[in-house]
């Protein structure tokens, strides 16, 4: 295949995303850039709430096995029972201060958990894998 050399200036944020992805996939930056030109850049996180962006951005650096573990992870039954119990209590009565703090913490953890799962699945899809929901 004949190739051409192109020099271009790209925003630092895009360069870092591509470089992190190359490290995570253990591929050259050139391979990742060519792949990105063919199919687009890896899924972004522009719409992610600010408090979670650092966690989600870190997923770019992970290898495929780590991303699969995240995409397939599940909350324990005990965690889900506690969370659902607090949600039900919140809808039927006023929560105590302690319960409100715990529910807020659990809600934040649940949001981050689902965002990480979704981003991991999207990155794996971008990398060419089929990811089945768990």
N, C-alpha and C. Protein backbone atom coordinates (compact mmCIF):
# COMPACT_ATOMS: atom_id res chain seq x y z
N UNK A 1 0.85 -1.18 0.00
CA UNK A 1 0.00 0.00 0.00
C UNK A 1 0.89 1.23 0.00
N UNK A 2 0.61 2.12 -0.87
CA UNK A 2 1.36 3.37 -0.95
C UNK A 2 0.91 4.27 0.18
N UNK A 3 1.84 4.98 0.80
CA UNK A 3 1.49 5.89 1.88
C UNK A 3 1.99 7.29 1.57
N UNK A 4 1.40 8.24 2.24
CA UNK A 4 1.78 9.64 2.13
C UNK A 4 2.06 10.15 3.53
N UNK A 5 2.95 11.09 3.64
CA UNK A 5 3.25 11.70 4.93
C UNK A 5 2.51 13.02 5.03
N UNK A 6 1.85 13.22 6.16
CA UNK A 6 1.08 14.43 6.41
C UNK A 6 1.52 14.98 7.76
N UNK A 7 1.76 16.24 7.82
CA UNK A 7 2.06 16.90 9.09
C UNK A 7 0.90 17.82 9.40
N UNK A 8 0.34 17.68 10.60
CA UNK A 8 -0.76 18.55 10.98
C UNK A 8 -0.71 18.85 12.46
N UNK A 9 -1.25 19.98 12.80
CA UNK A 9 -1.35 20.38 14.20
C UNK A 9 -2.73 20.00 14.70
N UNK A 10 -2.77 19.29 15.83
CA UNK A 10 -4.05 18.90 16.42
C UNK A 10 -4.09 19.40 17.85
N UNK A 11 -5.28 19.62 18.37
CA UNK A 11 -5.40 20.07 19.76
C UNK A 11 -4.76 19.05 20.72
N UNK A 12 -4.15 19.56 21.78
CA UNK A 12 -3.48 18.71 22.77
C UNK A 12 -4.42 17.65 23.34
N UNK A 13 -5.67 18.02 23.59
CA UNK A 13 -6.62 17.06 24.17
C UNK A 13 -6.83 15.86 23.25
N UNK A 14 -6.94 16.09 21.96
CA UNK A 14 -7.13 14.99 21.01
C UNK A 14 -5.86 14.14 20.94
N UNK A 15 -4.71 14.81 20.90
CA UNK A 15 -3.44 14.07 20.90
C UNK A 15 -3.35 13.16 22.12
N UNK A 16 -3.67 13.69 23.29
CA UNK A 16 -3.58 12.88 24.52
C UNK A 16 -4.54 11.70 24.48
N UNK A 17 -5.75 11.90 23.97
CA UNK A 17 -6.71 10.80 23.87
C UNK A 17 -6.16 9.70 22.99
N UNK A 18 -5.60 10.08 21.83
CA UNK A 18 -5.05 9.09 20.90
C UNK A 18 -3.81 8.42 21.49
N UNK A 19 -2.94 9.18 22.14
CA UNK A 19 -1.74 8.61 22.75
C UNK A 19 -2.11 7.67 23.89
N UNK A 20 -3.08 8.04 24.72
CA UNK A 20 -3.52 7.16 25.80
C UNK A 20 -4.12 5.87 25.26
N UNK A 21 -4.89 6.00 24.21
CA UNK A 21 -5.50 4.82 23.59
C UNK A 21 -4.41 3.92 23.02
N UNK A 22 -3.41 4.48 22.38
CA UNK A 22 -2.30 3.69 21.84
C UNK A 22 -1.61 2.92 22.95
N UNK A 23 -1.36 3.59 24.08
CA UNK A 23 -0.72 2.89 25.21
C UNK A 23 -1.62 1.79 25.72
N UNK A 24 -2.90 2.09 25.88
CA UNK A 24 -3.84 1.09 26.39
C UNK A 24 -3.96 -0.13 25.49
N UNK A 25 -3.87 0.10 24.21
CA UNK A 25 -3.99 -1.01 23.24
C UNK A 25 -2.65 -1.62 22.89
N UNK A 26 -1.58 -1.03 23.42
CA UNK A 26 -0.22 -1.47 23.10
C UNK A 26 0.00 -1.48 21.59
N UNK A 27 -0.38 -0.38 20.98
CA UNK A 27 -0.24 -0.18 19.54
C UNK A 27 0.51 1.13 19.33
N UNK A 28 1.01 1.32 18.15
CA UNK A 28 1.71 2.58 17.87
C UNK A 28 0.69 3.70 17.71
N UNK A 29 1.16 4.91 17.98
CA UNK A 29 0.30 6.08 17.80
C UNK A 29 -0.13 6.18 16.34
N UNK A 30 0.77 5.86 15.43
CA UNK A 30 0.44 5.91 14.01
C UNK A 30 -0.72 4.97 13.68
N UNK A 31 -0.70 3.75 14.23
CA UNK A 31 -1.80 2.81 13.97
C UNK A 31 -3.13 3.36 14.50
N UNK A 32 -3.07 3.97 15.67
CA UNK A 32 -4.29 4.51 16.27
C UNK A 32 -4.82 5.69 15.47
N UNK A 33 -3.93 6.55 15.02
CA UNK A 33 -4.35 7.71 14.22
C UNK A 33 -4.99 7.23 12.91
N UNK A 34 -4.39 6.25 12.27
CA UNK A 34 -4.96 5.72 11.02
C UNK A 34 -6.34 5.11 11.29
N UNK A 35 -6.44 4.35 12.39
CA UNK A 35 -7.74 3.76 12.76
C UNK A 35 -8.76 4.88 13.02
N UNK A 36 -8.33 5.92 13.73
CA UNK A 36 -9.24 7.04 14.03
C UNK A 36 -9.69 7.73 12.75
N UNK A 37 -8.79 7.85 11.78
CA UNK A 37 -9.18 8.46 10.51
C UNK A 37 -10.19 7.60 9.77
N UNK A 38 -10.10 6.30 9.95
CA UNK A 38 -11.05 5.39 9.29
C UNK A 38 -12.41 5.39 9.97
N UNK A 39 -12.44 5.36 11.29
CA UNK A 39 -13.71 5.17 12.00
C UNK A 39 -14.08 6.31 12.95
N UNK A 40 -13.23 7.31 13.08
CA UNK A 40 -13.49 8.40 14.02
C UNK A 40 -12.69 8.21 15.30
N UNK A 41 -12.62 9.25 16.10
CA UNK A 41 -11.86 9.15 17.34
C UNK A 41 -12.62 8.31 18.36
N UNK A 42 -11.94 7.85 19.41
CA UNK A 42 -12.64 7.07 20.44
C UNK A 42 -13.79 7.88 21.02
N UNK A 43 -14.79 7.20 21.56
CA UNK A 43 -15.94 7.91 22.11
C UNK A 43 -15.50 8.95 23.14
N UNK A 44 -16.12 10.09 23.09
CA UNK A 44 -15.74 11.20 23.95
C UNK A 44 -16.44 11.19 25.29
N UNK A 45 -16.13 12.20 26.07
CA UNK A 45 -16.75 12.35 27.37
C UNK A 45 -17.14 13.79 27.64
N UNK A 46 -17.44 14.50 26.58
CA UNK A 46 -17.83 15.90 26.69
C UNK A 46 -19.13 16.06 27.48
N UNK A 47 -20.04 15.11 27.37
CA UNK A 47 -21.34 15.22 28.04
C UNK A 47 -21.34 14.61 29.44
N UNK A 48 -20.20 14.13 29.88
CA UNK A 48 -20.08 13.52 31.21
C UNK A 48 -20.05 14.64 32.26
N UNK A 49 -20.77 14.48 33.37
CA UNK A 49 -20.68 15.50 34.42
C UNK A 49 -19.23 15.73 34.85
N UNK A 50 -18.90 16.96 35.13
CA UNK A 50 -17.52 17.36 35.44
C UNK A 50 -16.90 16.51 36.54
N UNK A 51 -17.68 16.16 37.56
CA UNK A 51 -17.14 15.40 38.68
C UNK A 51 -16.67 14.00 38.30
N UNK A 52 -17.11 13.50 37.16
CA UNK A 52 -16.74 12.14 36.74
C UNK A 52 -15.74 12.11 35.59
N UNK A 53 -15.46 13.25 34.99
CA UNK A 53 -14.63 13.27 33.77
C UNK A 53 -13.27 12.63 33.96
N UNK A 54 -12.60 12.89 35.07
CA UNK A 54 -11.26 12.32 35.29
C UNK A 54 -11.32 10.79 35.33
N UNK A 55 -12.33 10.25 35.98
CA UNK A 55 -12.47 8.79 36.03
C UNK A 55 -12.69 8.21 34.64
N UNK A 56 -13.58 8.84 33.89
CA UNK A 56 -13.94 8.34 32.56
C UNK A 56 -12.77 8.51 31.60
N UNK A 57 -12.08 9.65 31.67
CA UNK A 57 -10.93 9.88 30.79
C UNK A 57 -9.84 8.84 31.03
N UNK A 58 -9.70 8.38 32.24
CA UNK A 58 -8.68 7.38 32.56
C UNK A 58 -8.91 6.04 31.88
N UNK A 59 -10.12 5.78 31.45
CA UNK A 59 -10.41 4.51 30.78
C UNK A 59 -9.67 4.38 29.45
N UNK A 60 -9.37 5.49 28.81
CA UNK A 60 -8.65 5.45 27.53
C UNK A 60 -7.34 4.68 27.64
N UNK A 61 -6.70 4.75 28.81
CA UNK A 61 -5.38 4.16 29.00
C UNK A 61 -5.41 2.66 29.26
N UNK A 62 -6.59 2.13 29.53
CA UNK A 62 -6.68 0.73 29.94
C UNK A 62 -6.58 -0.22 28.75
N UNK A 63 -6.06 -1.40 29.05
CA UNK A 63 -5.99 -2.44 28.02
C UNK A 63 -7.38 -3.07 27.85
N UNK A 64 -7.51 -3.89 26.83
CA UNK A 64 -8.81 -4.49 26.51
C UNK A 64 -9.37 -5.34 27.64
N UNK A 65 -8.52 -6.17 28.28
CA UNK A 65 -9.00 -7.03 29.37
C UNK A 65 -9.58 -6.21 30.52
N UNK A 66 -8.91 -5.13 30.87
CA UNK A 66 -9.41 -4.27 31.95
C UNK A 66 -10.74 -3.64 31.57
N UNK A 67 -10.86 -3.21 30.32
CA UNK A 67 -12.13 -2.63 29.86
C UNK A 67 -13.25 -3.67 29.87
N UNK A 68 -12.94 -4.90 29.48
CA UNK A 68 -13.95 -5.96 29.52
C UNK A 68 -14.41 -6.21 30.96
N UNK A 69 -13.48 -6.21 31.92
CA UNK A 69 -13.86 -6.42 33.32
C UNK A 69 -14.82 -5.33 33.78
N UNK A 70 -14.54 -4.09 33.40
CA UNK A 70 -15.42 -2.98 33.79
C UNK A 70 -16.77 -3.11 33.09
N UNK A 71 -16.76 -3.37 31.81
CA UNK A 71 -18.01 -3.45 31.04
C UNK A 71 -18.91 -4.58 31.55
N UNK A 72 -18.32 -5.63 32.07
CA UNK A 72 -19.09 -6.79 32.53
C UNK A 72 -19.34 -6.79 34.03
N UNK A 73 -18.84 -5.79 34.74
CA UNK A 73 -18.98 -5.77 36.19
C UNK A 73 -20.43 -5.54 36.60
N UNK A 74 -20.74 -6.00 37.80
CA UNK A 74 -22.09 -5.85 38.33
C UNK A 74 -22.01 -5.48 39.80
N UNK A 75 -23.00 -4.77 40.27
CA UNK A 75 -23.12 -4.47 41.69
C UNK A 75 -23.55 -5.75 42.40
N UNK A 76 -23.15 -5.87 43.66
CA UNK A 76 -23.55 -7.05 44.43
C UNK A 76 -25.03 -6.95 44.79
N UNK A 77 -25.62 -8.07 45.12
CA UNK A 77 -27.02 -8.10 45.50
C UNK A 77 -27.24 -7.26 46.77
N UNK A 78 -26.29 -7.34 47.69
CA UNK A 78 -26.41 -6.57 48.93
C UNK A 78 -26.39 -5.07 48.65
N UNK A 79 -25.51 -4.63 47.75
CA UNK A 79 -25.45 -3.21 47.40
C UNK A 79 -26.77 -2.76 46.78
N UNK A 80 -27.30 -3.57 45.90
CA UNK A 80 -28.56 -3.20 45.23
C UNK A 80 -29.73 -3.18 46.21
N UNK A 81 -29.76 -4.13 47.15
CA UNK A 81 -30.84 -4.15 48.15
C UNK A 81 -30.79 -2.89 49.01
N UNK A 82 -29.60 -2.53 49.45
CA UNK A 82 -29.45 -1.34 50.30
C UNK A 82 -29.87 -0.08 49.54
N UNK A 83 -29.41 0.04 48.31
CA UNK A 83 -29.74 1.21 47.49
C UNK A 83 -31.25 1.28 47.26
N UNK A 84 -31.85 0.18 46.87
CA UNK A 84 -33.30 0.15 46.63
C UNK A 84 -34.09 0.43 47.90
N UNK A 85 -33.60 -0.06 49.03
CA UNK A 85 -34.26 0.18 50.30
C UNK A 85 -34.26 1.67 50.64
N UNK A 86 -33.13 2.31 50.42
CA UNK A 86 -33.05 3.76 50.67
C UNK A 86 -33.93 4.55 49.69
N UNK A 87 -33.96 4.12 48.43
CA UNK A 87 -34.83 4.80 47.46
C UNK A 87 -36.30 4.68 47.84
N UNK A 88 -36.71 3.48 48.27
CA UNK A 88 -38.09 3.27 48.69
C UNK A 88 -38.42 4.10 49.93
N UNK A 89 -37.49 4.10 50.88
CA UNK A 89 -37.71 4.88 52.10
C UNK A 89 -37.83 6.36 51.76
N UNK A 90 -37.02 6.82 50.83
CA UNK A 90 -37.04 8.23 50.42
C UNK A 90 -38.38 8.62 49.80
N UNK A 91 -39.01 7.68 49.13
CA UNK A 91 -40.29 8.00 48.49
C UNK A 91 -41.47 7.90 49.45
N UNK A 92 -41.27 7.24 50.60
CA UNK A 92 -42.40 7.06 51.52
C UNK A 92 -42.29 7.88 52.80
N UNK A 93 -41.09 8.38 53.09
CA UNK A 93 -40.92 9.16 54.32
C UNK A 93 -39.69 10.06 54.16
N UNK A 94 -39.51 10.93 55.13
CA UNK A 94 -38.32 11.78 55.12
C UNK A 94 -37.15 10.99 55.70
N UNK A 95 -36.05 10.98 54.96
CA UNK A 95 -34.87 10.25 55.41
C UNK A 95 -34.17 11.00 56.54
N UNK A 96 -33.50 10.24 57.40
CA UNK A 96 -32.66 10.86 58.42
C UNK A 96 -31.46 11.49 57.72
N UNK A 97 -30.76 12.36 58.42
CA UNK A 97 -29.56 12.98 57.85
C UNK A 97 -28.56 11.93 57.39
N UNK A 98 -28.36 10.93 58.22
CA UNK A 98 -27.42 9.85 57.89
C UNK A 98 -27.85 9.10 56.63
N UNK A 99 -29.15 8.81 56.54
CA UNK A 99 -29.68 8.12 55.36
C UNK A 99 -29.54 8.98 54.11
N UNK A 100 -29.78 10.29 54.24
CA UNK A 100 -29.63 11.18 53.09
C UNK A 100 -28.20 11.20 52.58
N UNK A 101 -27.26 11.26 53.50
CA UNK A 101 -25.84 11.24 53.11
C UNK A 101 -25.51 9.91 52.43
N UNK A 102 -25.97 8.83 53.01
CA UNK A 102 -25.70 7.51 52.44
C UNK A 102 -26.33 7.36 51.06
N UNK A 103 -27.57 7.81 50.91
CA UNK A 103 -28.24 7.73 49.61
C UNK A 103 -27.51 8.59 48.58
N UNK A 104 -27.09 9.78 48.95
CA UNK A 104 -26.35 10.63 48.03
C UNK A 104 -25.05 9.98 47.59
N UNK A 105 -24.35 9.38 48.53
CA UNK A 105 -23.09 8.68 48.20
C UNK A 105 -23.36 7.49 47.28
N UNK A 106 -24.39 6.72 47.60
CA UNK A 106 -24.71 5.55 46.78
C UNK A 106 -25.17 5.96 45.38
N UNK A 107 -25.91 7.06 45.29
CA UNK A 107 -26.39 7.54 43.98
C UNK A 107 -25.19 7.96 43.13
N UNK A 108 -24.25 8.68 43.73
CA UNK A 108 -23.04 9.10 43.01
C UNK A 108 -22.24 7.89 42.54
N UNK A 109 -22.08 6.90 43.43
CA UNK A 109 -21.35 5.68 43.07
C UNK A 109 -22.05 4.92 41.94
N UNK A 110 -23.37 4.87 42.00
CA UNK A 110 -24.14 4.18 40.95
C UNK A 110 -24.00 4.91 39.61
N UNK A 111 -24.04 6.23 39.65
CA UNK A 111 -23.87 7.00 38.41
C UNK A 111 -22.50 6.76 37.80
N UNK A 112 -21.46 6.83 38.63
CA UNK A 112 -20.11 6.59 38.13
C UNK A 112 -19.96 5.17 37.62
N UNK A 113 -20.52 4.22 38.33
CA UNK A 113 -20.46 2.81 37.93
C UNK A 113 -21.04 2.63 36.53
N UNK A 114 -22.22 3.19 36.29
CA UNK A 114 -22.88 3.02 34.99
C UNK A 114 -22.15 3.79 33.89
N UNK A 115 -21.64 4.97 34.20
CA UNK A 115 -20.87 5.71 33.20
C UNK A 115 -19.60 4.96 32.81
N UNK A 116 -18.92 4.37 33.79
CA UNK A 116 -17.70 3.60 33.50
C UNK A 116 -18.03 2.38 32.64
N UNK A 117 -19.10 1.68 32.98
CA UNK A 117 -19.51 0.51 32.18
C UNK A 117 -19.82 0.91 30.74
N UNK A 118 -20.58 1.99 30.59
CA UNK A 118 -20.97 2.43 29.25
C UNK A 118 -19.76 2.89 28.44
N UNK A 119 -18.85 3.65 29.06
CA UNK A 119 -17.67 4.12 28.34
C UNK A 119 -16.74 2.95 28.01
N UNK A 120 -16.58 2.01 28.92
CA UNK A 120 -15.73 0.85 28.65
C UNK A 120 -16.29 0.06 27.46
N UNK A 121 -17.60 -0.14 27.43
CA UNK A 121 -18.23 -0.85 26.31
C UNK A 121 -18.05 -0.07 25.02
N UNK A 122 -18.21 1.25 25.07
CA UNK A 122 -18.06 2.07 23.87
C UNK A 122 -16.61 2.02 23.36
N UNK A 123 -15.64 2.08 24.27
CA UNK A 123 -14.24 1.99 23.86
C UNK A 123 -13.93 0.63 23.24
N UNK A 124 -14.45 -0.42 23.84
CA UNK A 124 -14.23 -1.75 23.28
C UNK A 124 -14.85 -1.87 21.89
N UNK A 125 -16.03 -1.31 21.74
CA UNK A 125 -16.68 -1.32 20.42
C UNK A 125 -15.81 -0.56 19.41
N UNK A 126 -15.30 0.60 19.82
CA UNK A 126 -14.42 1.38 18.95
C UNK A 126 -13.17 0.58 18.59
N UNK A 127 -12.69 -0.23 19.52
CA UNK A 127 -11.50 -1.03 19.27
C UNK A 127 -11.79 -2.28 18.45
N UNK A 128 -13.05 -2.47 18.10
CA UNK A 128 -13.41 -3.56 17.18
C UNK A 128 -14.04 -4.78 17.82
N UNK A 129 -14.40 -4.71 19.10
CA UNK A 129 -15.02 -5.83 19.80
C UNK A 129 -16.53 -5.69 19.83
N UNK A 130 -17.20 -6.82 19.95
CA UNK A 130 -18.63 -6.82 20.21
C UNK A 130 -18.79 -7.07 21.70
N UNK A 131 -19.52 -6.20 22.35
CA UNK A 131 -19.73 -6.31 23.79
C UNK A 131 -21.19 -6.55 24.04
N UNK A 132 -21.48 -7.66 24.68
CA UNK A 132 -22.88 -7.98 24.99
C UNK A 132 -23.22 -7.42 26.37
N UNK A 133 -24.39 -6.85 26.52
CA UNK A 133 -24.79 -6.33 27.83
C UNK A 133 -24.90 -7.46 28.84
N UNK A 134 -24.61 -7.14 30.06
CA UNK A 134 -24.69 -8.13 31.15
C UNK A 134 -25.98 -7.95 31.89
